[in-house]
Amino acid sequence: AIVNDVTENGMPNLSRISMWLGGNTAATESIYTSEYIRSYVQLTSFDVSTSSLTFKPSGTFAPSSWGHTYAVGNMLVFAMRGWSWLSRLRGTGQSTYFLGFRLDGASSKPHAIGNIPGYLLNDYSMDIHDGHLRVATTIRRWWPRKPDSKGRWRSRSTTQNQIVILKIPKEGDNSVR
């Protein structure tokens, strides 16, 4: 249930939500004013080989409501677009947030989260190989310049492409990023 994802023993469990936060942002200050609980991602599993369907939902809050999905073997990954602080760019920038579900027969559970700079182009921009999530992203930056001699504003933009390889935690591993 949704309530179980943000509460523990009846008390709010901000640590589950604050794992999406980067930098020095306090979860209690930004949880309701930012995008960190913008949507709820739910994966509903069922076994089609049985005569009676039993639905088994699992899910968690997510920082975005738009993105891509990739599934292979016992893993399903949602890649969602968002914004975060990028220290090497000294400003906010496009980011992709990952939410990995471990699949086990007709059930699933949230397993790993993470984020990297840039946006995916499409579903083919990521794959899983040998326990690693391989991702290709593009970081686009643009900003206005001063008006030219005719008073027209011109903008300047840069594009940076990258390939990032993230290790997927093994079952029972306590790491989440």
N, C-alpha and C. Protein backbone atom coordinates (compact mmCIF):
# COMPACT_ATOMS: atom_id res chain seq x y z
N ALA A 1 0.84 -1.19 0.00
CA ALA A 1 0.00 0.00 0.00
C ALA A 1 0.88 1.24 0.00
N ILE A 2 0.33 2.32 -0.51
CA ILE A 2 1.08 3.59 -0.58
C ILE A 2 1.53 4.02 0.82
N VAL A 3 0.65 3.89 1.80
CA VAL A 3 0.97 4.33 3.15
C VAL A 3 2.20 3.59 3.69
N ASN A 4 2.35 2.33 3.34
CA ASN A 4 3.50 1.55 3.81
C ASN A 4 4.81 2.05 3.23
N ASP A 5 4.78 2.70 2.07
CA ASP A 5 6.01 3.19 1.46
C ASP A 5 6.57 4.42 2.15
N VAL A 6 5.74 5.17 2.85
CA VAL A 6 6.23 6.39 3.50
C VAL A 6 6.07 6.38 4.99
N THR A 7 5.58 5.28 5.56
CA THR A 7 5.46 5.20 7.02
C THR A 7 6.11 3.91 7.52
N GLU A 8 6.55 3.97 8.74
CA GLU A 8 7.09 2.80 9.41
C GLU A 8 6.64 2.88 10.85
N ASN A 9 5.91 1.88 11.33
CA ASN A 9 5.32 1.90 12.67
C ASN A 9 4.45 3.13 12.88
N GLY A 10 3.74 3.55 11.85
CA GLY A 10 2.84 4.68 11.96
C GLY A 10 3.50 6.04 11.83
N MET A 11 4.81 6.10 11.74
CA MET A 11 5.54 7.37 11.65
C MET A 11 6.07 7.55 10.23
N PRO A 12 6.15 8.80 9.73
CA PRO A 12 6.70 9.02 8.38
C PRO A 12 8.13 8.51 8.28
N ASN A 13 8.44 7.83 7.21
CA ASN A 13 9.78 7.33 6.96
C ASN A 13 10.39 8.16 5.84
N LEU A 14 10.93 9.32 6.19
CA LEU A 14 11.47 10.23 5.19
C LEU A 14 12.75 9.70 4.55
N SER A 15 13.40 8.74 5.20
CA SER A 15 14.64 8.23 4.60
C SER A 15 14.36 7.53 3.28
N ARG A 16 13.22 6.89 3.14
CA ARG A 16 12.89 6.23 1.88
C ARG A 16 12.69 7.25 0.76
N ILE A 17 12.15 8.40 1.11
CA ILE A 17 11.94 9.44 0.11
C ILE A 17 13.22 10.25 -0.08
N SER A 18 13.96 10.51 0.99
CA SER A 18 15.14 11.37 0.89
C SER A 18 16.26 10.73 0.10
N MET A 19 16.19 9.43 -0.19
CA MET A 19 17.23 8.80 -1.01
C MET A 19 17.26 9.40 -2.41
N TRP A 20 16.19 10.04 -2.84
CA TRP A 20 16.18 10.69 -4.15
C TRP A 20 16.92 12.02 -4.09
N LEU A 21 17.10 12.59 -2.91
CA LEU A 21 17.67 13.92 -2.78
C LEU A 21 19.17 13.91 -3.03
N GLY A 22 19.69 14.98 -3.59
CA GLY A 22 21.12 15.12 -3.81
C GLY A 22 21.62 16.36 -3.11
N GLY A 23 22.91 16.45 -2.93
CA GLY A 23 23.50 17.64 -2.32
C GLY A 23 23.16 17.77 -0.86
N ASN A 24 23.01 19.01 -0.41
CA ASN A 24 22.77 19.30 1.00
C ASN A 24 21.30 19.58 1.31
N THR A 25 20.41 19.19 0.45
CA THR A 25 19.00 19.47 0.63
C THR A 25 18.43 18.59 1.74
N ALA A 26 17.72 19.21 2.68
CA ALA A 26 17.07 18.45 3.75
C ALA A 26 15.72 17.95 3.25
N ALA A 27 15.44 16.68 3.51
CA ALA A 27 14.20 16.08 3.03
C ALA A 27 12.98 16.79 3.60
N THR A 28 13.04 17.17 4.86
CA THR A 28 11.86 17.79 5.47
C THR A 28 11.56 19.15 4.87
N GLU A 29 12.57 19.84 4.34
CA GLU A 29 12.36 21.16 3.76
C GLU A 29 11.86 21.08 2.32
N SER A 30 12.22 20.03 1.61
CA SER A 30 11.91 20.00 0.18
C SER A 30 10.89 18.95 -0.22
N ILE A 31 10.47 18.12 0.70
CA ILE A 31 9.61 17.00 0.31
C ILE A 31 8.28 17.45 -0.29
N TYR A 32 7.71 18.53 0.21
CA TYR A 32 6.41 18.97 -0.30
C TYR A 32 6.52 20.09 -1.32
N THR A 33 7.70 20.69 -1.47
CA THR A 33 7.85 21.81 -2.39
C THR A 33 8.64 21.46 -3.63
N SER A 34 9.10 20.23 -3.75
CA SER A 34 9.92 19.85 -4.91
C SER A 34 9.29 18.66 -5.61
N GLU A 35 10.06 18.06 -6.48
CA GLU A 35 9.54 16.97 -7.29
C GLU A 35 9.84 15.59 -6.74
N TYR A 36 10.36 15.47 -5.53
CA TYR A 36 10.83 14.18 -5.06
C TYR A 36 9.72 13.18 -4.78
N ILE A 37 8.49 13.63 -4.59
CA ILE A 37 7.38 12.69 -4.49
C ILE A 37 6.29 13.09 -5.49
N ARG A 38 6.73 13.40 -6.67
CA ARG A 38 5.84 13.86 -7.74
C ARG A 38 4.85 12.79 -8.18
N SER A 39 5.24 11.54 -8.15
CA SER A 39 4.36 10.48 -8.63
C SER A 39 4.58 9.21 -7.82
N TYR A 40 3.71 8.27 -8.02
CA TYR A 40 3.83 6.96 -7.39
C TYR A 40 3.94 5.93 -8.51
N VAL A 41 5.00 5.14 -8.48
CA VAL A 41 5.22 4.12 -9.50
C VAL A 41 4.80 2.78 -8.91
N GLN A 42 3.90 2.11 -9.59
CA GLN A 42 3.44 0.80 -9.12
C GLN A 42 3.60 -0.23 -10.22
N LEU A 43 4.10 -1.37 -9.83
CA LEU A 43 4.25 -2.50 -10.74
C LEU A 43 3.35 -3.61 -10.20
N THR A 44 2.41 -4.05 -11.00
CA THR A 44 1.50 -5.10 -10.60
C THR A 44 1.85 -6.38 -11.34
N SER A 45 2.13 -7.43 -10.59
CA SER A 45 2.55 -8.71 -11.17
C SER A 45 1.45 -9.74 -10.99
N PHE A 46 1.42 -10.71 -11.90
CA PHE A 46 0.49 -11.83 -11.77
C PHE A 46 0.99 -12.98 -12.63
N ASP A 47 0.56 -14.18 -12.27
CA ASP A 47 0.96 -15.39 -12.97
C ASP A 47 -0.16 -15.80 -13.92
N VAL A 48 0.10 -15.75 -15.22
CA VAL A 48 -0.93 -16.08 -16.21
C VAL A 48 -1.12 -17.58 -16.40
N SER A 49 -0.25 -18.38 -15.80
CA SER A 49 -0.35 -19.82 -15.99
C SER A 49 -1.32 -20.48 -14.99
N THR A 50 -1.83 -19.71 -14.03
CA THR A 50 -2.77 -20.27 -13.06
C THR A 50 -4.20 -19.98 -13.48
N SER A 51 -5.14 -20.74 -12.94
CA SER A 51 -6.54 -20.55 -13.31
C SER A 51 -7.17 -19.33 -12.63
N SER A 52 -6.63 -18.92 -11.50
CA SER A 52 -7.16 -17.71 -10.85
C SER A 52 -6.05 -16.67 -10.75
N LEU A 53 -6.36 -15.48 -11.20
CA LEU A 53 -5.36 -14.41 -11.19
C LEU A 53 -5.27 -13.80 -9.80
N THR A 54 -4.06 -13.73 -9.28
CA THR A 54 -3.79 -13.05 -8.02
C THR A 54 -2.83 -11.92 -8.34
N PHE A 55 -3.26 -10.69 -8.09
CA PHE A 55 -2.44 -9.53 -8.39
C PHE A 55 -1.55 -9.21 -7.19
N LYS A 56 -0.28 -8.94 -7.47
CA LYS A 56 0.69 -8.62 -6.43
C LYS A 56 1.34 -7.28 -6.76
N PRO A 57 0.84 -6.19 -6.15
CA PRO A 57 1.41 -4.88 -6.45
C PRO A 57 2.63 -4.57 -5.58
N SER A 58 3.55 -3.80 -6.12
CA SER A 58 4.66 -3.22 -5.36
C SER A 58 4.93 -1.86 -5.98
N GLY A 59 5.43 -0.95 -5.18
CA GLY A 59 5.67 0.39 -5.72
C GLY A 59 6.38 1.29 -4.75
N THR A 60 6.62 2.49 -5.20
CA THR A 60 7.28 3.50 -4.38
C THR A 60 7.04 4.88 -4.99
N PHE A 61 7.28 5.91 -4.20
CA PHE A 61 7.19 7.27 -4.73
C PHE A 61 8.39 7.52 -5.63
N ALA A 62 8.20 8.39 -6.60
CA ALA A 62 9.26 8.69 -7.57
C ALA A 62 9.31 10.20 -7.84
N PRO A 63 10.47 10.69 -8.28
CA PRO A 63 10.63 12.12 -8.51
C PRO A 63 10.12 12.61 -9.86
N SER A 64 9.55 11.76 -10.67
CA SER A 64 9.12 12.17 -11.99
C SER A 64 7.97 11.28 -12.45
N SER A 65 7.22 11.78 -13.40
CA SER A 65 6.10 11.00 -13.90
C SER A 65 6.27 10.65 -15.39
N TRP A 66 7.46 10.86 -15.93
CA TRP A 66 7.67 10.61 -17.35
C TRP A 66 9.02 9.95 -17.55
N GLY A 67 9.08 8.95 -18.41
CA GLY A 67 10.37 8.34 -18.66
C GLY A 67 10.28 7.12 -19.55
N HIS A 68 11.21 6.20 -19.32
CA HIS A 68 11.34 5.01 -20.14
C HIS A 68 11.35 3.77 -19.25
N THR A 69 11.04 2.62 -19.84
CA THR A 69 11.04 1.36 -19.11
C THR A 69 11.90 0.35 -19.86
N TYR A 70 12.68 -0.42 -19.08
CA TYR A 70 13.52 -1.46 -19.66
C TYR A 70 13.42 -2.69 -18.77
N ALA A 71 13.19 -3.85 -19.36
CA ALA A 71 13.10 -5.09 -18.59
C ALA A 71 13.91 -6.17 -19.25
N VAL A 72 14.59 -6.96 -18.43
CA VAL A 72 15.32 -8.12 -18.91
C VAL A 72 15.51 -9.06 -17.72
N GLY A 73 15.34 -10.35 -17.97
CA GLY A 73 15.55 -11.35 -16.92
C GLY A 73 14.73 -11.08 -15.68
N ASN A 74 15.41 -10.91 -14.56
CA ASN A 74 14.72 -10.69 -13.29
C ASN A 74 14.77 -9.23 -12.83
N MET A 75 14.92 -8.29 -13.77
CA MET A 75 15.02 -6.87 -13.41
C MET A 75 14.19 -6.02 -14.35
N LEU A 76 13.49 -5.04 -13.78
CA LEU A 76 12.76 -4.05 -14.56
C LEU A 76 13.20 -2.68 -14.07
N VAL A 77 13.56 -1.79 -14.98
CA VAL A 77 14.07 -0.47 -14.62
C VAL A 77 13.19 0.61 -15.22
N PHE A 78 12.72 1.53 -14.36
CA PHE A 78 12.06 2.74 -14.82
C PHE A 78 13.12 3.84 -14.80
N ALA A 79 13.27 4.57 -15.90
CA ALA A 79 14.19 5.70 -16.01
C ALA A 79 13.34 6.95 -16.20
N MET A 80 13.43 7.88 -15.25
CA MET A 80 12.53 9.03 -15.23
C MET A 80 13.32 10.33 -15.36
N ARG A 81 12.77 11.27 -16.12
CA ARG A 81 13.42 12.56 -16.31
C ARG A 81 13.18 13.49 -15.12
N GLY A 82 14.20 14.27 -14.80
CA GLY A 82 14.08 15.24 -13.71
C GLY A 82 15.21 16.25 -13.79
N TRP A 83 15.36 17.02 -12.73
CA TRP A 83 16.42 18.02 -12.62
C TRP A 83 17.10 17.83 -11.28
N SER A 84 18.41 18.07 -11.22
CA SER A 84 19.13 18.02 -9.96
C SER A 84 20.36 18.91 -10.05
N TRP A 85 21.00 19.13 -8.91
CA TRP A 85 22.20 19.94 -8.85
C TRP A 85 23.36 19.14 -9.45
N LEU A 86 24.06 19.72 -10.41
CA LEU A 86 25.21 19.09 -11.03
C LEU A 86 26.44 19.93 -10.70
N SER A 87 27.21 19.47 -9.73
CA SER A 87 28.33 20.28 -9.23
C SER A 87 29.35 20.62 -10.31
N ARG A 88 29.61 19.69 -11.23
CA ARG A 88 30.61 19.99 -12.26
C ARG A 88 30.13 21.06 -13.23
N LEU A 89 28.81 21.25 -13.34
CA LEU A 89 28.26 22.31 -14.18
C LEU A 89 27.96 23.58 -13.37
N ARG A 90 28.10 23.47 -12.06
CA ARG A 90 27.82 24.56 -11.13
C ARG A 90 26.41 25.11 -11.30
N GLY A 91 25.46 24.21 -11.41
CA GLY A 91 24.07 24.61 -11.56
C GLY A 91 23.16 23.39 -11.69
N THR A 92 21.88 23.68 -11.84
CA THR A 92 20.95 22.57 -12.02
C THR A 92 21.02 22.09 -13.46
N GLY A 93 20.70 20.85 -13.64
CA GLY A 93 20.74 20.30 -14.99
C GLY A 93 19.84 19.10 -15.12
N GLN A 94 19.70 18.66 -16.34
CA GLN A 94 18.87 17.50 -16.64
C GLN A 94 19.47 16.27 -15.99
N SER A 95 18.59 15.45 -15.40
CA SER A 95 19.02 14.22 -14.75
C SER A 95 18.06 13.10 -15.08
N THR A 96 18.55 11.89 -15.01
CA THR A 96 17.71 10.72 -15.16
C THR A 96 17.76 9.95 -13.84
N TYR A 97 16.58 9.70 -13.28
CA TYR A 97 16.45 8.93 -12.04
C TYR A 97 16.07 7.50 -12.39
N PHE A 98 16.68 6.54 -11.71
CA PHE A 98 16.42 5.14 -11.97
C PHE A 98 15.76 4.48 -10.78
N LEU A 99 14.78 3.66 -11.06
CA LEU A 99 14.12 2.85 -10.05
C LEU A 99 14.09 1.42 -10.58
N GLY A 100 14.81 0.53 -9.91
CA GLY A 100 14.88 -0.85 -10.36
C GLY A 100 14.02 -1.75 -9.50
N PHE A 101 13.21 -2.58 -10.14
CA PHE A 101 12.40 -3.58 -9.45
C PHE A 101 13.01 -4.95 -9.69
N ARG A 102 13.17 -5.73 -8.64
CA ARG A 102 13.61 -7.12 -8.75
C ARG A 102 12.37 -7.96 -9.02
N LEU A 103 12.41 -8.78 -10.07
CA LEU A 103 11.29 -9.64 -10.43
C LEU A 103 11.56 -11.05 -9.94
N ASP A 104 10.57 -11.66 -9.31
CA ASP A 104 10.71 -13.02 -8.79
C ASP A 104 9.41 -13.76 -9.05
N GLY A 105 9.37 -14.49 -10.14
CA GLY A 105 8.14 -15.20 -10.50
C GLY A 105 7.02 -14.21 -10.75
N ALA A 106 5.93 -14.35 -9.99
CA ALA A 106 4.79 -13.46 -10.16
C ALA A 106 4.80 -12.32 -9.14
N SER A 107 5.95 -12.02 -8.56
CA SER A 107 6.03 -10.91 -7.61
C SER A 107 7.20 -10.00 -7.97
N SER A 108 7.17 -8.80 -7.43
CA SER A 108 8.23 -7.83 -7.68
C SER A 108 8.38 -6.95 -6.45
N LYS A 109 9.55 -6.32 -6.31
CA LYS A 109 9.75 -5.38 -5.22
C LYS A 109 10.80 -4.35 -5.63
N PRO A 110 10.66 -3.11 -5.13
CA PRO A 110 11.69 -2.11 -5.43
C PRO A 110 13.04 -2.61 -4.91
N HIS A 111 14.08 -2.45 -5.72
CA HIS A 111 15.37 -3.04 -5.37
C HIS A 111 16.51 -2.03 -5.35
N ALA A 112 16.54 -1.10 -6.28
CA ALA A 112 17.66 -0.18 -6.36
C ALA A 112 17.22 1.16 -6.94
N ILE A 113 17.88 2.22 -6.51
CA ILE A 113 17.61 3.55 -7.06
C ILE A 113 18.93 4.22 -7.39
N GLY A 114 18.88 5.25 -8.22
CA GLY A 114 20.07 6.01 -8.54
C GLY A 114 19.74 7.12 -9.51
N ASN A 115 20.69 7.97 -9.79
CA ASN A 115 20.50 9.02 -10.79
C ASN A 115 21.84 9.40 -11.41
N ILE A 116 21.77 9.90 -12.64
CA ILE A 116 22.94 10.36 -13.36
C ILE A 116 22.57 11.61 -14.14
N PRO A 117 23.55 12.44 -14.50
CA PRO A 117 23.27 13.63 -15.30
C PRO A 117 22.81 13.27 -16.70
N GLY A 118 21.92 14.07 -17.25
CA GLY A 118 21.48 13.92 -18.63
C GLY A 118 20.18 13.17 -18.79
N TYR A 119 19.64 13.23 -20.00
CA TYR A 119 18.41 12.54 -20.36
C TYR A 119 18.71 11.42 -21.34
N LEU A 120 17.90 10.37 -21.27
CA LEU A 120 17.96 9.30 -22.27
C LEU A 120 17.29 9.78 -23.55
N LEU A 121 17.76 9.32 -24.67
CA LEU A 121 17.12 9.64 -25.93
C LEU A 121 15.84 8.82 -26.10
N ASN A 122 15.93 7.50 -25.79
CA ASN A 122 14.78 6.61 -25.94
C ASN A 122 15.03 5.33 -25.14
N ASP A 123 14.14 4.35 -25.29
CA ASP A 123 14.27 3.08 -24.56
C ASP A 123 15.54 2.32 -24.90
N TYR A 124 16.12 2.57 -26.05
CA TYR A 124 17.32 1.86 -26.47
C TYR A 124 18.59 2.48 -25.89
N SER A 125 18.45 3.51 -25.06
CA SER A 125 19.60 4.17 -24.46
C SER A 125 20.09 3.49 -23.19
N MET A 126 19.47 2.37 -22.82
CA MET A 126 19.93 1.63 -21.64
C MET A 126 19.77 0.14 -21.86
N ASP A 127 20.63 -0.60 -21.18
CA ASP A 127 20.50 -2.05 -21.16
C ASP A 127 21.17 -2.58 -19.91
N ILE A 128 20.89 -3.84 -19.63
CA ILE A 128 21.50 -4.52 -18.49
C ILE A 128 22.36 -5.65 -19.03
N HIS A 129 23.62 -5.68 -18.56
CA HIS A 129 24.55 -6.73 -18.99
C HIS A 129 25.45 -7.09 -17.82
N ASP A 130 25.50 -8.36 -17.48
CA ASP A 130 26.43 -8.87 -16.47
C ASP A 130 26.32 -8.12 -15.15
N GLY A 131 25.09 -7.85 -14.71
CA GLY A 131 24.87 -7.20 -13.42
C GLY A 131 25.09 -5.70 -13.41
N HIS A 132 25.17 -5.09 -14.59
CA HIS A 132 25.40 -3.65 -14.70
C HIS A 132 24.34 -3.01 -15.59
N LEU A 133 23.91 -1.82 -15.21
CA LEU A 133 23.01 -1.02 -16.04
C LEU A 133 23.88 -0.08 -16.85
N ARG A 134 23.83 -0.22 -18.17
CA ARG A 134 24.62 0.64 -19.07
C ARG A 134 23.68 1.67 -19.66
N VAL A 135 24.06 2.95 -19.56
CA VAL A 135 23.17 4.05 -19.93
C VAL A 135 23.91 5.07 -20.78
N ALA A 136 23.26 5.54 -21.84
CA ALA A 136 23.78 6.64 -22.66
C ALA A 136 22.85 7.84 -22.46
N THR A 137 23.41 8.97 -22.05
CA THR A 137 22.59 10.18 -21.85
C THR A 137 23.21 11.36 -22.58
N THR A 138 22.39 12.38 -22.74
CA THR A 138 22.81 13.65 -23.33
C THR A 138 22.47 14.77 -22.36
N ILE A 139 23.44 15.63 -22.09
CA ILE A 139 23.21 16.80 -21.25
C ILE A 139 23.18 18.00 -22.18
N ARG A 140 22.05 18.67 -22.21
CA ARG A 140 21.91 19.89 -23.02
C ARG A 140 21.83 21.09 -22.09
N ARG A 141 22.60 22.10 -22.42
CA ARG A 141 22.56 23.34 -21.64
C ARG A 141 22.36 24.48 -22.62
N TRP A 142 21.59 25.45 -22.23
CA TRP A 142 21.39 26.62 -23.06
C TRP A 142 21.16 27.82 -22.15
N TRP A 143 21.55 28.97 -22.64
CA TRP A 143 21.37 30.20 -21.90
C TRP A 143 21.34 31.35 -22.89
N PRO A 144 20.60 32.42 -22.53
CA PRO A 144 20.50 33.57 -23.45
C PRO A 144 21.78 34.39 -23.44
N ARG A 145 22.04 35.03 -24.56
CA ARG A 145 23.15 35.98 -24.65
C ARG A 145 22.57 37.38 -24.76
N LYS A 146 23.42 38.34 -24.76
CA LYS A 146 22.98 39.73 -24.93
C LYS A 146 22.37 39.91 -26.31
N PRO A 147 21.48 40.87 -26.45
CA PRO A 147 20.89 41.10 -27.79
C PRO A 147 21.95 41.54 -28.80
N ASP A 148 21.73 41.17 -30.06
CA ASP A 148 22.65 41.59 -31.10
C ASP A 148 22.36 43.05 -31.49
N SER A 149 23.03 43.54 -32.53
CA SER A 149 22.89 44.95 -32.93
C SER A 149 21.46 45.29 -33.37
N LYS A 150 20.67 44.30 -33.77
CA LYS A 150 19.29 44.55 -34.19
C LYS A 150 18.29 44.32 -33.04
N GLY A 151 18.80 44.06 -31.82
CA GLY A 151 17.93 43.87 -30.67
C GLY A 151 17.37 42.46 -30.53
N ARG A 152 17.84 41.53 -31.35
CA ARG A 152 17.37 40.15 -31.27
C ARG A 152 18.20 39.37 -30.25
N TRP A 153 17.52 38.64 -29.40
CA TRP A 153 18.21 37.79 -28.44
C TRP A 153 18.64 36.50 -29.11
N ARG A 154 19.83 36.12 -28.88
CA ARG A 154 20.36 34.87 -29.40
C ARG A 154 20.68 33.98 -28.20
N SER A 155 20.56 32.70 -28.37
CA SER A 155 20.92 31.81 -27.28
C SER A 155 22.13 30.98 -27.66
N ARG A 156 22.79 30.50 -26.67
CA ARG A 156 23.96 29.64 -26.86
C ARG A 156 23.64 28.30 -26.22
N SER A 157 24.03 27.23 -26.87
CA SER A 157 23.77 25.91 -26.29
C SER A 157 24.98 25.01 -26.46
N THR A 158 25.09 24.06 -25.55
CA THR A 158 26.12 23.04 -25.64
C THR A 158 25.47 21.68 -25.42
N THR A 159 26.07 20.65 -25.97
CA THR A 159 25.59 19.29 -25.82
C THR A 159 26.76 18.41 -25.42
N GLN A 160 26.53 17.58 -24.42
CA GLN A 160 27.56 16.65 -23.96
C GLN A 160 26.92 15.27 -23.87
N ASN A 161 27.53 14.28 -24.53
CA ASN A 161 27.04 12.90 -24.48
C ASN A 161 27.94 12.10 -23.56
N GLN A 162 27.35 11.11 -22.90
CA GLN A 162 28.14 10.27 -22.01
C GLN A 162 27.55 8.87 -21.93
N ILE A 163 28.40 7.93 -21.58
CA ILE A 163 27.97 6.57 -21.28
C ILE A 163 28.37 6.29 -19.84
N VAL A 164 27.40 5.83 -19.05
CA VAL A 164 27.63 5.56 -17.63
C VAL A 164 27.28 4.10 -17.37
N ILE A 165 28.09 3.43 -16.58
CA ILE A 165 27.83 2.04 -16.21
C ILE A 165 27.64 1.99 -14.70
N LEU A 166 26.46 1.51 -14.28
CA LEU A 166 26.11 1.43 -12.87
C LEU A 166 25.99 -0.04 -12.46
N LYS A 167 26.60 -0.39 -11.34
CA LYS A 167 26.48 -1.76 -10.84
C LYS A 167 25.15 -1.91 -10.13
N ILE A 168 24.41 -2.96 -10.46
CA ILE A 168 23.13 -3.24 -9.82
C ILE A 168 23.41 -4.04 -8.56
N PRO A 169 22.91 -3.60 -7.39
CA PRO A 169 23.16 -4.35 -6.16
C PRO A 169 22.61 -5.76 -6.27
N LYS A 170 23.31 -6.71 -5.66
CA LYS A 170 22.84 -8.09 -5.65
C LYS A 170 21.76 -8.25 -4.59
N GLU A 171 20.98 -9.29 -4.70
CA GLU A 171 19.94 -9.59 -3.73
C GLU A 171 20.59 -9.67 -2.34
N GLY A 172 20.03 -8.96 -1.37
CA GLY A 172 20.55 -8.96 -0.02
C GLY A 172 21.61 -7.89 0.24
N ASP A 173 22.12 -7.25 -0.80
CA ASP A 173 23.08 -6.17 -0.64
C ASP A 173 22.35 -4.96 -0.09
N ASN A 174 22.92 -4.31 0.94
CA ASN A 174 22.25 -3.18 1.58
C ASN A 174 22.44 -1.87 0.85
N SER A 175 23.30 -1.81 -0.15
CA SER A 175 23.50 -0.56 -0.87
C SER A 175 22.31 -0.27 -1.76
N VAL A 176 22.00 1.02 -1.91
CA VAL A 176 20.86 1.40 -2.73
C VAL A 176 21.25 2.26 -3.91
N ARG A 177 22.47 2.70 -4.03
CA ARG A 177 22.89 3.54 -5.14
C ARG A 177 24.03 2.90 -5.87
